[in-house]
N, C-alpha and C. Protein backbone atom coordinates (compact mmCIF):
# COMPACT_ATOMS: atom_id res chain seq x y z
N UNK A 1 34.24 -61.29 61.51
CA UNK A 1 33.21 -61.95 61.03
C UNK A 1 33.31 -61.76 59.31
N UNK A 2 33.14 -62.91 58.60
CA UNK A 2 33.13 -62.67 57.49
C UNK A 2 31.69 -62.46 56.87
N UNK A 3 31.98 -61.79 55.61
CA UNK A 3 30.95 -61.14 54.87
C UNK A 3 29.56 -62.28 54.69
N UNK A 4 29.79 -63.58 54.41
CA UNK A 4 29.01 -64.46 54.29
C UNK A 4 28.63 -64.75 55.61
N UNK A 5 29.30 -64.76 56.68
CA UNK A 5 28.53 -64.96 58.05
C UNK A 5 27.45 -64.34 58.27
N UNK A 6 27.83 -62.62 58.13
CA UNK A 6 27.04 -61.66 58.68
C UNK A 6 25.76 -61.76 57.76
N UNK A 7 25.95 -62.26 56.42
CA UNK A 7 24.50 -62.30 55.80
C UNK A 7 23.86 -63.28 56.17
N UNK A 8 24.58 -64.31 56.88
CA UNK A 8 23.74 -65.60 57.18
C UNK A 8 22.57 -65.02 58.31
N UNK A 9 23.70 -64.22 59.29
CA UNK A 9 23.32 -64.06 60.49
C UNK A 9 21.88 -62.97 60.46
N UNK A 10 22.33 -62.23 59.77
CA UNK A 10 21.23 -61.05 59.42
C UNK A 10 20.25 -61.24 58.52
N UNK A 11 20.53 -62.50 57.70
CA UNK A 11 19.62 -62.50 56.71
C UNK A 11 19.60 -61.43 55.39
N UNK A 12 20.43 -61.17 55.10
CA UNK A 12 20.96 -60.17 54.17
C UNK A 12 21.85 -60.81 53.04
N UNK A 13 21.37 -60.42 51.78
CA UNK A 13 22.61 -61.19 50.59
C UNK A 13 23.96 -60.76 51.03
N UNK A 14 24.76 -61.59 50.74
CA UNK A 14 26.30 -61.42 51.22
C UNK A 14 26.61 -60.13 49.72
N UNK A 15 26.13 -60.13 48.79
CA UNK A 15 26.51 -58.91 47.69
C UNK A 15 25.84 -57.91 48.07
N UNK A 16 24.59 -57.81 48.65
CA UNK A 16 24.65 -56.42 49.64
C UNK A 16 25.52 -55.77 50.22
N UNK A 17 26.02 -56.91 51.25
CA UNK A 17 27.18 -55.97 52.24
C UNK A 17 28.35 -55.84 51.39
N UNK A 18 28.16 -56.34 50.33
CA UNK A 18 29.54 -56.09 49.61
C UNK A 18 29.48 -54.84 49.36
N UNK A 19 28.40 -54.26 48.25
CA UNK A 19 28.16 -53.11 48.08
C UNK A 19 28.41 -52.19 49.21
N UNK A 20 28.18 -52.40 50.46
CA UNK A 20 28.00 -51.68 51.45
C UNK A 20 29.37 -51.20 51.56
N UNK A 21 30.32 -52.17 51.78
CA UNK A 21 31.84 -51.83 52.14
C UNK A 21 32.63 -51.46 50.76
N UNK A 22 32.30 -52.31 49.88
CA UNK A 22 32.88 -51.52 48.72
C UNK A 22 32.82 -50.57 47.96
N UNK A 23 31.51 -50.32 47.71
CA UNK A 23 31.20 -49.03 47.12
C UNK A 23 30.17 -47.86 47.73
N UNK A 24 30.13 -48.32 49.06
CA UNK A 24 29.73 -46.85 49.77
C UNK A 24 28.24 -46.65 50.02
N UNK A 25 27.69 -47.72 49.39
CA UNK A 25 26.25 -47.76 49.54
C UNK A 25 25.61 -47.66 50.67
N UNK A 26 24.48 -47.38 50.91
CA UNK A 26 24.25 -47.03 52.14
C UNK A 26 22.51 -48.11 52.04
N UNK A 27 22.88 -49.05 53.46
CA UNK A 27 21.39 -49.80 53.63
C UNK A 27 19.88 -48.87 53.89
N UNK A 28 19.14 -49.91 53.25
CA UNK A 28 17.61 -49.41 53.99
C UNK A 28 17.24 -49.19 55.05
N UNK A 29 17.09 -48.64 55.83
CA UNK A 29 16.62 -48.31 57.23
C UNK A 29 16.38 -50.35 57.95
N UNK A 30 15.54 -50.69 57.34
CA UNK A 30 14.95 -51.93 57.70
C UNK A 30 16.42 -53.33 57.45
N UNK A 31 16.96 -52.64 56.15
CA UNK A 31 18.39 -53.82 56.00
C UNK A 31 19.16 -53.42 57.20
N UNK A 32 19.32 -52.09 57.42
CA UNK A 32 20.56 -51.83 58.56
C UNK A 32 20.06 -52.54 60.39
N UNK A 33 18.67 -52.52 60.33
CA UNK A 33 18.17 -53.07 61.57
C UNK A 33 18.59 -54.40 61.51
N UNK A 34 18.39 -55.47 60.27
CA UNK A 34 19.02 -56.57 60.49
C UNK A 34 20.25 -56.71 60.41
N UNK A 35 21.10 -55.64 59.70
CA UNK A 35 22.55 -55.95 60.09
C UNK A 35 23.10 -55.82 61.72
N UNK A 36 22.38 -54.97 62.13
CA UNK A 36 22.60 -54.63 63.83
C UNK A 36 22.63 -55.81 64.54
N UNK A 37 21.16 -56.48 64.00
CA UNK A 37 20.91 -57.43 64.96
C UNK A 37 21.91 -59.02 64.53
N UNK A 38 22.16 -58.65 63.18
CA UNK A 38 23.32 -59.97 62.50
C UNK A 38 24.46 -59.45 63.51
N UNK A 39 24.83 -58.42 63.58
CA UNK A 39 26.42 -58.14 64.20
C UNK A 39 25.99 -58.46 65.93
N UNK A 40 25.03 -58.34 66.41
CA UNK A 40 25.03 -58.50 67.87
C UNK A 40 24.81 -57.27 68.53
N UNK A 41 24.90 -56.05 68.11
CA UNK A 41 25.64 -54.43 68.73
C UNK A 41 24.38 -53.90 68.89
N UNK A 42 24.40 -52.66 69.70
CA UNK A 42 23.43 -51.88 69.46
C UNK A 42 23.70 -50.53 68.67
N UNK A 43 22.34 -49.88 68.00
CA UNK A 43 22.99 -48.71 67.01
C UNK A 43 24.05 -47.94 67.40
N UNK A 44 23.76 -47.52 68.80
CA UNK A 44 24.78 -46.57 69.54
C UNK A 44 26.34 -46.88 69.38
N UNK A 45 26.61 -48.35 69.06
CA UNK A 45 28.10 -48.76 69.03
C UNK A 45 28.64 -48.37 67.86
N UNK A 46 27.58 -48.19 66.24
CA UNK A 46 28.08 -48.20 65.35
C UNK A 46 28.16 -46.20 64.73
N UNK A 47 27.38 -45.86 65.45
CA UNK A 47 27.21 -44.30 64.98
C UNK A 47 27.59 -43.74 66.34
N UNK A 48 28.33 -42.16 65.92
CA UNK A 48 28.82 -41.38 66.84
C UNK A 48 26.99 -40.14 67.13
N UNK A 49 26.23 -40.40 67.95
CA UNK A 49 25.41 -39.31 67.82
C UNK A 49 25.41 -37.93 68.43
N UNK A 50 26.83 -37.86 68.75
CA UNK A 50 27.13 -36.59 69.56
C UNK A 50 27.73 -35.61 68.94
N UNK A 51 28.37 -36.08 67.76
CA UNK A 51 28.97 -35.07 66.68
C UNK A 51 28.09 -34.04 66.33
N UNK A 52 28.53 -32.93 66.24
CA UNK A 52 28.27 -31.82 65.67
C UNK A 52 28.31 -31.60 64.03
N UNK A 53 27.23 -31.00 63.29
CA UNK A 53 27.73 -30.40 62.11
C UNK A 53 28.73 -29.36 61.88
N UNK A 54 29.70 -29.68 61.35
CA UNK A 54 31.34 -28.82 61.72
C UNK A 54 30.92 -27.65 60.04
N UNK A 55 29.83 -27.72 59.06
CA UNK A 55 29.80 -26.90 58.29
C UNK A 55 28.34 -26.43 57.94
N UNK A 56 28.06 -25.68 57.89
CA UNK A 56 26.65 -25.12 57.70
C UNK A 56 26.05 -25.93 55.97
N UNK A 57 24.75 -25.95 56.62
CA UNK A 57 23.70 -26.64 55.39
C UNK A 57 23.74 -25.79 54.27
N UNK A 58 23.75 -26.08 52.62
CA UNK A 58 24.03 -25.09 51.98
C UNK A 58 22.56 -25.75 50.87
N UNK A 59 22.10 -25.01 50.64
CA UNK A 59 20.92 -25.18 49.75
C UNK A 59 21.40 -25.79 48.47
N UNK A 60 20.13 -26.11 47.68
CA UNK A 60 20.39 -27.10 46.75
C UNK A 60 20.61 -25.73 45.35
N UNK A 61 20.10 -24.58 45.33
CA UNK A 61 20.14 -23.58 45.17
C UNK A 61 21.62 -23.15 44.94
N UNK A 62 21.92 -22.86 45.99
CA UNK A 62 23.28 -22.27 46.30
C UNK A 62 24.65 -23.46 45.62
N UNK A 63 24.07 -24.68 46.02
CA UNK A 63 25.01 -25.62 44.90
C UNK A 63 25.22 -25.79 43.63
N UNK A 64 23.92 -25.12 43.17
CA UNK A 64 23.97 -25.06 42.02
C UNK A 64 24.58 -23.89 41.48
N UNK A 65 24.91 -22.86 42.21
CA UNK A 65 25.37 -21.58 41.81
C UNK A 65 27.12 -21.98 41.97
N UNK A 66 27.40 -22.41 42.93
CA UNK A 66 28.60 -22.87 43.17
C UNK A 66 29.24 -23.64 41.94
N UNK A 67 28.75 -24.66 41.93
CA UNK A 67 28.74 -25.85 40.28
C UNK A 67 29.10 -24.82 39.26
N UNK A 68 28.38 -23.74 39.06
CA UNK A 68 28.28 -23.28 37.88
C UNK A 68 29.53 -22.09 37.56
N UNK A 69 29.91 -21.91 39.05
CA UNK A 69 30.95 -20.98 39.34
C UNK A 69 32.20 -21.63 38.85
N UNK A 70 32.30 -22.67 39.62
CA UNK A 70 33.61 -23.66 39.34
C UNK A 70 33.78 -24.20 37.59
N UNK A 71 32.96 -24.45 37.36
CA UNK A 71 32.80 -24.67 35.68
C UNK A 71 33.42 -23.71 34.74
N UNK A 72 32.79 -22.28 35.28
CA UNK A 72 33.28 -20.99 34.47
C UNK A 72 34.92 -21.05 34.56
N UNK A 73 35.37 -21.47 36.27
CA UNK A 73 36.83 -21.02 36.08
C UNK A 73 37.43 -22.25 35.85
N UNK A 74 36.90 -23.38 35.18
CA UNK A 74 37.40 -24.65 34.89
C UNK A 74 37.89 -25.72 35.93
N UNK A 75 37.19 -25.36 36.86
CA UNK A 75 37.52 -26.29 37.78
C UNK A 75 36.46 -27.35 38.04
N UNK A 76 37.02 -28.58 38.01
CA UNK A 76 35.88 -29.88 38.39
C UNK A 76 36.65 -30.54 39.40
N UNK A 77 35.75 -31.13 39.77
CA UNK A 77 35.72 -32.28 40.95
C UNK A 77 36.55 -33.02 40.75
N UNK A 78 37.16 -33.87 39.85
CA UNK A 78 38.07 -34.20 39.20
C UNK A 78 39.42 -34.01 38.75
N UNK A 79 39.42 -32.74 38.38
CA UNK A 79 40.66 -31.71 38.14
C UNK A 79 41.74 -31.86 38.70
N UNK A 80 42.85 -32.82 38.10
CA UNK A 80 44.16 -32.65 38.89
C UNK A 80 44.87 -31.27 39.50
N UNK A 81 45.45 -31.51 40.44
CA UNK A 81 45.78 -30.30 41.25
C UNK A 81 46.70 -29.19 40.26
N UNK A 82 46.79 -28.07 40.49
CA UNK A 82 48.14 -27.13 39.59
C UNK A 82 48.85 -27.29 40.09
N UNK A 83 49.97 -27.56 39.42
CA UNK A 83 51.21 -27.50 39.77
C UNK A 83 52.38 -26.17 39.64
N UNK A 84 52.77 -25.81 40.52
CA UNK A 84 53.66 -24.72 40.75
C UNK A 84 54.88 -24.81 40.50
């Protein structure tokens, strides 16, 4: 199904669908319901509700501390890997 066909069936703008596909944007719940209807599937067909979280939740404060520690070491997410 093309993006334009889905947009027509779901009543959603095709540019919104492109944002979801290309840029990792997440639809609002009401838009997700429209997309599911447009696809003619059940929500269980799109998501795996049996998977469990593999790593523990990290608090916002812990993330700030981790980010500061990485920054102190000169490590950023976009830093290229060190070559040996």
